[in-house]
Amino acid sequence: MKKFFSKFGAWASTLPILFFPAVTMAQISKGTEKLAEVATASGFKQGPTLPVMVGNIINIILSIVGVYFVVIIVYAGWLYLSDSGDSAKVKKAKTLMGQAVIGIVIILAAYSISNFVITNLASIAA
């Protein structure tokens, strides 16, 4: 099981790099005419501002961690249902489920706080 979680962690850390290459696109300076010509000729658009980019990265990370806690809840439910009368498995399942629920509550709070802060920063920066 530890091998599964280490592989899951490795995939979860590389997914933002693989699926979100637009985050790494450099912004084009407004003062340079040649870069602006190249950008318009190639079809690139002006990228998002820094607060919006940081907010997107935070939202992606919080989403991945939220999915991780849902997987833990499913695993704890499986342990609970397949206990076969073993009280140690029941105790472990209840502990895991409680910890996962607390983790989801913390992730939801972090998501709402970061969304509020990033939205206000983006409106100030604009």
Protein backbone atom coordinates (compact mmCIF):
# COMPACT_ATOMS: atom_id res chain seq x y z
CA MET A 1 0.00 0.00 0.00
CA LYS A 2 2.91 2.34 0.70
CA LYS A 3 4.16 1.74 -2.83
CA PHE A 4 0.74 2.74 -4.21
CA PHE A 5 0.69 6.00 -2.23
CA SER A 6 4.25 6.87 -3.27
CA LYS A 7 3.38 6.29 -6.93
CA PHE A 8 0.17 8.31 -6.51
CA GLY A 9 2.16 11.15 -4.95
CA ALA A 10 4.67 11.08 -7.81
CA TRP A 11 1.90 11.23 -10.42
CA ALA A 12 0.03 13.93 -8.52
CA SER A 13 3.14 16.11 -8.40
CA THR A 14 3.86 15.75 -12.13
CA LEU A 15 0.30 16.24 -13.43
CA PRO A 16 0.37 20.05 -13.14
CA ILE A 17 3.54 20.10 -15.21
CA LEU A 18 2.13 17.78 -17.87
CA PHE A 19 -1.40 19.14 -18.18
CA PHE A 20 -0.96 22.86 -17.55
CA PRO A 21 1.80 24.15 -19.84
CA ALA A 22 -0.02 27.47 -20.30
CA VAL A 23 0.99 28.43 -16.76
CA THR A 24 4.64 28.49 -17.78
CA MET A 25 4.13 30.67 -20.85
CA ALA A 26 6.17 33.85 -20.47
CA GLN A 27 4.44 37.19 -20.75
CA ILE A 28 5.40 39.52 -23.54
CA SER A 29 6.72 42.94 -22.68
CA LYS A 30 4.59 45.85 -23.91
CA GLY A 31 7.60 48.08 -24.53
CA THR A 32 9.25 45.86 -27.11
CA GLU A 33 7.76 46.25 -30.57
CA LYS A 34 9.40 43.23 -32.17
CA LEU A 35 8.16 40.87 -29.48
CA ALA A 36 4.65 42.25 -29.87
CA GLU A 37 4.81 41.69 -33.63
CA VAL A 38 6.02 38.12 -33.16
CA ALA A 39 3.29 37.49 -30.59
CA THR A 40 0.49 38.77 -32.81
CA ALA A 41 1.86 36.93 -35.85
CA SER A 42 2.14 33.64 -33.97
CA GLY A 43 -1.29 33.95 -32.34
CA PHE A 44 -0.14 34.10 -28.70
CA LYS A 45 -2.31 36.04 -26.32
CA GLN A 46 -1.26 37.99 -23.27
CA GLY A 47 -1.07 35.55 -20.34
CA PRO A 48 -2.85 35.92 -17.03
CA THR A 49 -1.53 38.24 -14.36
CA LEU A 50 0.69 36.94 -11.57
CA PRO A 51 -2.04 36.81 -8.88
CA VAL A 52 -4.32 34.87 -11.21
CA MET A 53 -1.51 32.43 -12.08
CA VAL A 54 -0.66 31.89 -8.41
CA GLY A 55 -4.36 31.40 -7.66
CA ASN A 56 -4.65 28.81 -10.42
CA ILE A 57 -1.64 26.91 -9.09
CA ILE A 58 -3.04 26.99 -5.54
CA ASN A 59 -6.43 25.77 -6.78
CA ILE A 60 -4.79 22.91 -8.68
CA ILE A 61 -2.78 21.83 -5.65
CA LEU A 62 -5.81 22.02 -3.35
CA SER A 63 -7.87 20.03 -5.84
CA ILE A 64 -5.26 17.27 -6.00
CA VAL A 65 -5.02 17.13 -2.20
CA GLY A 66 -8.83 17.03 -1.98
CA VAL A 67 -8.93 14.06 -4.35
CA TYR A 68 -6.27 12.39 -2.20
CA PHE A 69 -8.47 12.74 0.90
CA VAL A 70 -11.48 11.34 -0.96
CA VAL A 71 -9.37 8.33 -1.93
CA ILE A 72 -8.44 7.90 1.75
CA ILE A 73 -12.14 7.97 2.70
CA VAL A 74 -12.89 5.29 0.09
CA TYR A 75 -9.98 3.19 1.38
CA ALA A 76 -11.18 3.59 4.98
CA GLY A 77 -14.68 2.55 3.93
CA TRP A 78 -13.25 -0.52 2.22
CA LEU A 79 -11.30 -1.38 5.38
CA TYR A 80 -14.45 -0.94 7.45
CA LEU A 81 -16.55 -3.15 5.20
CA SER A 82 -13.95 -5.89 4.88
CA ASP A 83 -13.00 -6.10 8.56
CA SER A 84 -14.29 -9.69 9.07
CA GLY A 85 -14.74 -9.07 12.77
CA ASP A 86 -11.22 -7.74 13.32
CA SER A 87 -11.48 -4.86 15.77
CA ALA A 88 -8.03 -3.51 14.82
CA LYS A 89 -9.19 -2.94 11.22
CA VAL A 90 -12.36 -1.23 12.43
CA LYS A 91 -10.35 1.09 14.69
CA LYS A 92 -7.89 1.87 11.86
CA ALA A 93 -10.77 2.54 9.43
CA LYS A 94 -12.55 4.87 11.86
CA THR A 95 -9.30 6.74 12.56
CA LEU A 96 -8.53 7.11 8.85
CA MET A 97 -12.05 8.26 8.08
CA GLY A 98 -11.98 10.87 10.85
CA GLN A 99 -8.60 12.18 9.74
CA ALA A 100 -9.72 12.33 6.12
CA VAL A 101 -12.87 14.26 6.99
CA ILE A 102 -10.81 16.74 9.02
CA GLY A 103 -8.42 17.04 6.06
CA ILE A 104 -11.28 17.73 3.64
CA VAL A 105 -12.66 20.43 5.96
CA ILE A 106 -9.20 22.04 6.13
CA ILE A 107 -8.83 21.85 2.32
CA LEU A 108 -12.26 23.45 1.80
CA ALA A 109 -11.36 26.25 4.22
CA ALA A 110 -8.00 26.79 2.51
CA TYR A 111 -9.70 26.82 -0.90
CA SER A 112 -12.26 29.41 0.14
CA ILE A 113 -9.67 31.63 1.84
CA SER A 114 -7.24 31.47 -1.08
CA ASN A 115 -10.04 32.09 -3.58
CA PHE A 116 -11.15 35.17 -1.62
CA VAL A 117 -7.60 36.53 -1.32
CA ILE A 118 -6.64 35.87 -4.96
CA THR A 119 -9.88 37.39 -6.25
CA ASN A 120 -9.25 40.56 -4.25
CA LEU A 121 -5.61 40.70 -5.33
CA ALA A 122 -6.58 40.31 -8.96
CA SER A 123 -9.14 43.11 -8.70
CA ILE A 124 -6.53 45.38 -7.06
CA ALA A 125 -3.88 44.53 -9.67
CA ALA A 126 -6.23 45.17 -12.60
